[in-house]
Amino acid sequence: MIADGDDQTAMDLSPQAAWAEAWHLWSVLVPRRSTTGRIVYGKVCRRYDGRLWKYKKFTESKPDRDG
């Protein structure tokens, strides 16, 4: 048997980049489909799943007012 250095396995075992698993705040001008199938635009959260960008509606939380 002759070992060839050019043999490649069909599976890619490299891990995804850390930024790909985090949601990022993004401004969308052209409406996109969210993860639930709704149309989103304006400020949205997005992340990359290794193949496609996933979008979800950005909901801004208001700070609590004490006093």
N, C-alpha and C. Protein backbone atom coordinates (compact mmCIF):
# COMPACT_ATOMS: atom_id res chain seq x y z
N MET A 1 0.84 -1.17 0.00
CA MET A 1 0.00 0.00 0.00
C MET A 1 0.89 1.24 0.00
N ILE A 2 0.54 2.18 -0.84
CA ILE A 2 1.31 3.41 -0.95
C ILE A 2 0.47 4.55 -0.38
N ALA A 3 1.03 5.24 0.59
CA ALA A 3 0.32 6.38 1.19
C ALA A 3 0.53 7.61 0.33
N ASP A 4 -0.55 8.26 0.01
CA ASP A 4 -0.49 9.45 -0.82
C ASP A 4 -0.84 10.66 0.04
N GLY A 5 -0.05 11.69 0.01
CA GLY A 5 -0.29 12.89 0.82
C GLY A 5 -1.46 13.71 0.34
N ASP A 6 -1.98 13.43 -0.86
CA ASP A 6 -3.08 14.20 -1.40
C ASP A 6 -4.44 13.63 -1.05
N ASP A 7 -4.49 12.52 -0.32
CA ASP A 7 -5.78 11.94 0.06
C ASP A 7 -6.51 12.88 1.02
N GLN A 8 -7.74 13.17 0.72
CA GLN A 8 -8.57 14.03 1.57
C GLN A 8 -9.81 13.26 1.98
N THR A 9 -10.20 13.39 3.21
CA THR A 9 -11.45 12.76 3.63
C THR A 9 -12.61 13.62 3.19
N ALA A 10 -13.77 13.04 3.05
CA ALA A 10 -14.95 13.76 2.60
C ALA A 10 -15.51 14.67 3.68
N MET A 11 -15.20 14.39 4.93
CA MET A 11 -15.74 15.18 6.03
C MET A 11 -14.80 16.33 6.37
N ASP A 12 -15.38 17.48 6.67
CA ASP A 12 -14.61 18.62 7.12
C ASP A 12 -14.82 18.73 8.62
N LEU A 13 -13.79 18.46 9.40
CA LEU A 13 -13.92 18.43 10.85
C LEU A 13 -13.49 19.72 11.51
N SER A 14 -13.24 20.76 10.72
CA SER A 14 -12.81 22.03 11.32
C SER A 14 -13.99 22.70 12.02
N PRO A 15 -13.76 23.23 13.22
CA PRO A 15 -14.85 23.87 13.97
C PRO A 15 -15.23 25.20 13.34
N GLN A 16 -16.46 25.64 13.60
CA GLN A 16 -16.92 26.93 13.11
C GLN A 16 -16.22 28.04 13.88
N ALA A 17 -16.10 29.18 13.25
CA ALA A 17 -15.53 30.34 13.92
C ALA A 17 -16.44 30.76 15.07
N ALA A 18 -15.84 31.32 16.12
CA ALA A 18 -16.61 31.72 17.30
C ALA A 18 -17.64 32.79 16.97
N TRP A 19 -17.32 33.69 16.05
CA TRP A 19 -18.27 34.76 15.71
C TRP A 19 -19.51 34.23 15.01
N ALA A 20 -19.41 33.08 14.39
CA ALA A 20 -20.53 32.53 13.63
C ALA A 20 -21.66 32.05 14.54
N GLU A 21 -21.35 31.73 15.79
CA GLU A 21 -22.37 31.24 16.70
C GLU A 21 -23.03 32.35 17.50
N ALA A 22 -22.58 33.59 17.35
CA ALA A 22 -23.13 34.71 18.10
C ALA A 22 -24.08 35.51 17.22
N TRP A 23 -25.10 36.10 17.82
CA TRP A 23 -26.02 36.98 17.10
C TRP A 23 -25.41 38.37 17.04
N HIS A 24 -25.49 39.02 15.87
CA HIS A 24 -24.94 40.35 15.65
C HIS A 24 -26.08 41.31 15.32
N LEU A 25 -26.01 42.53 15.82
CA LEU A 25 -26.99 43.56 15.46
C LEU A 25 -26.66 44.06 14.06
N TRP A 26 -27.67 44.10 13.20
CA TRP A 26 -27.45 44.41 11.80
C TRP A 26 -28.60 45.25 11.28
N SER A 27 -28.35 46.16 10.38
CA SER A 27 -29.39 46.96 9.75
C SER A 27 -29.70 46.37 8.38
N VAL A 28 -30.96 46.03 8.17
CA VAL A 28 -31.39 45.41 6.92
C VAL A 28 -32.25 46.39 6.14
N LEU A 29 -31.83 46.73 4.92
CA LEU A 29 -32.59 47.62 4.06
C LEU A 29 -33.56 46.84 3.18
N VAL A 30 -33.12 45.70 2.69
CA VAL A 30 -33.97 44.83 1.86
C VAL A 30 -34.59 43.79 2.80
N PRO A 31 -35.92 43.71 2.87
CA PRO A 31 -36.55 42.76 3.80
C PRO A 31 -36.07 41.33 3.61
N ARG A 32 -35.91 40.62 4.73
CA ARG A 32 -35.44 39.23 4.74
C ARG A 32 -36.41 38.36 5.52
N ARG A 33 -36.32 37.06 5.32
CA ARG A 33 -37.13 36.11 6.08
C ARG A 33 -36.42 35.79 7.38
N SER A 34 -37.16 35.79 8.48
CA SER A 34 -36.58 35.45 9.78
C SER A 34 -36.57 33.95 9.98
N THR A 35 -36.05 33.51 11.12
CA THR A 35 -36.01 32.08 11.43
C THR A 35 -37.40 31.50 11.58
N THR A 36 -38.39 32.36 11.87
CA THR A 36 -39.78 31.90 12.01
C THR A 36 -40.58 32.07 10.73
N GLY A 37 -39.95 32.63 9.68
CA GLY A 37 -40.62 32.78 8.40
C GLY A 37 -41.25 34.14 8.18
N ARG A 38 -41.19 35.02 9.16
CA ARG A 38 -41.73 36.37 9.01
C ARG A 38 -40.74 37.27 8.29
N ILE A 39 -41.26 38.36 7.73
CA ILE A 39 -40.41 39.34 7.06
C ILE A 39 -39.85 40.30 8.12
N VAL A 40 -38.54 40.51 8.10
CA VAL A 40 -37.91 41.45 9.02
C VAL A 40 -37.10 42.47 8.23
N TYR A 41 -37.00 43.68 8.77
CA TYR A 41 -36.19 44.75 8.18
C TYR A 41 -35.86 45.74 9.28
N GLY A 42 -34.99 46.69 8.98
CA GLY A 42 -34.54 47.64 10.00
C GLY A 42 -33.45 47.00 10.84
N LYS A 43 -33.51 47.20 12.16
CA LYS A 43 -32.52 46.60 13.06
C LYS A 43 -32.94 45.16 13.36
N VAL A 44 -32.06 44.23 13.02
CA VAL A 44 -32.32 42.81 13.25
C VAL A 44 -31.05 42.17 13.83
N CYS A 45 -31.21 40.98 14.37
CA CYS A 45 -30.06 40.18 14.79
C CYS A 45 -29.82 39.14 13.72
N ARG A 46 -28.56 38.85 13.44
CA ARG A 46 -28.27 37.82 12.45
C ARG A 46 -27.06 37.02 12.88
N ARG A 47 -26.98 35.78 12.39
CA ARG A 47 -25.81 34.94 12.60
C ARG A 47 -25.66 34.01 11.41
N TYR A 48 -24.48 33.47 11.25
CA TYR A 48 -24.16 32.60 10.13
C TYR A 48 -24.16 31.16 10.62
N ASP A 49 -24.90 30.29 9.96
CA ASP A 49 -24.98 28.89 10.41
C ASP A 49 -24.04 27.97 9.64
N GLY A 50 -23.10 28.54 8.90
CA GLY A 50 -22.16 27.75 8.12
C GLY A 50 -22.55 27.65 6.66
N ARG A 51 -23.79 27.98 6.36
CA ARG A 51 -24.29 27.93 4.99
C ARG A 51 -25.08 29.18 4.63
N LEU A 52 -25.94 29.62 5.54
CA LEU A 52 -26.82 30.76 5.30
C LEU A 52 -26.81 31.71 6.48
N TRP A 53 -27.18 32.95 6.23
CA TRP A 53 -27.39 33.90 7.32
C TRP A 53 -28.80 33.69 7.86
N LYS A 54 -28.92 33.66 9.17
CA LYS A 54 -30.21 33.54 9.86
C LYS A 54 -30.54 34.88 10.48
N TYR A 55 -31.80 35.31 10.36
CA TYR A 55 -32.22 36.61 10.87
C TYR A 55 -33.31 36.41 11.91
N LYS A 56 -33.36 37.31 12.90
CA LYS A 56 -34.48 37.34 13.83
C LYS A 56 -34.71 38.78 14.24
N LYS A 57 -35.95 39.07 14.62
CA LYS A 57 -36.34 40.42 14.98
C LYS A 57 -35.57 40.88 16.21
N PHE A 58 -35.09 42.12 16.16
CA PHE A 58 -34.38 42.71 17.29
C PHE A 58 -35.40 43.43 18.16
N THR A 59 -35.48 43.02 19.41
CA THR A 59 -36.36 43.70 20.35
C THR A 59 -35.49 44.38 21.40
N GLU A 60 -35.65 45.68 21.48
CA GLU A 60 -34.85 46.47 22.39
C GLU A 60 -35.49 46.49 23.76
N SER A 61 -34.74 46.14 24.77
CA SER A 61 -35.28 46.16 26.13
C SER A 61 -35.04 47.55 26.73
N LYS A 62 -36.04 48.03 27.43
CA LYS A 62 -35.93 49.34 28.07
C LYS A 62 -35.32 49.17 29.46
N PRO A 63 -34.43 50.07 29.83
CA PRO A 63 -33.82 49.96 31.17
C PRO A 63 -34.86 50.20 32.27
N ASP A 64 -34.68 49.49 33.37
CA ASP A 64 -35.57 49.68 34.52
C ASP A 64 -35.28 51.01 35.19
N ARG A 65 -36.36 51.67 35.60
CA ARG A 65 -36.18 52.94 36.31
C ARG A 65 -36.54 52.72 37.77
N ASP A 66 -35.56 52.86 38.60
CA ASP A 66 -35.79 52.73 40.04
C ASP A 66 -35.85 54.12 40.65
N GLY A 67 -36.90 54.35 41.41
CA GLY A 67 -36.90 55.58 42.15
C GLY A 67 -37.99 56.45 41.83
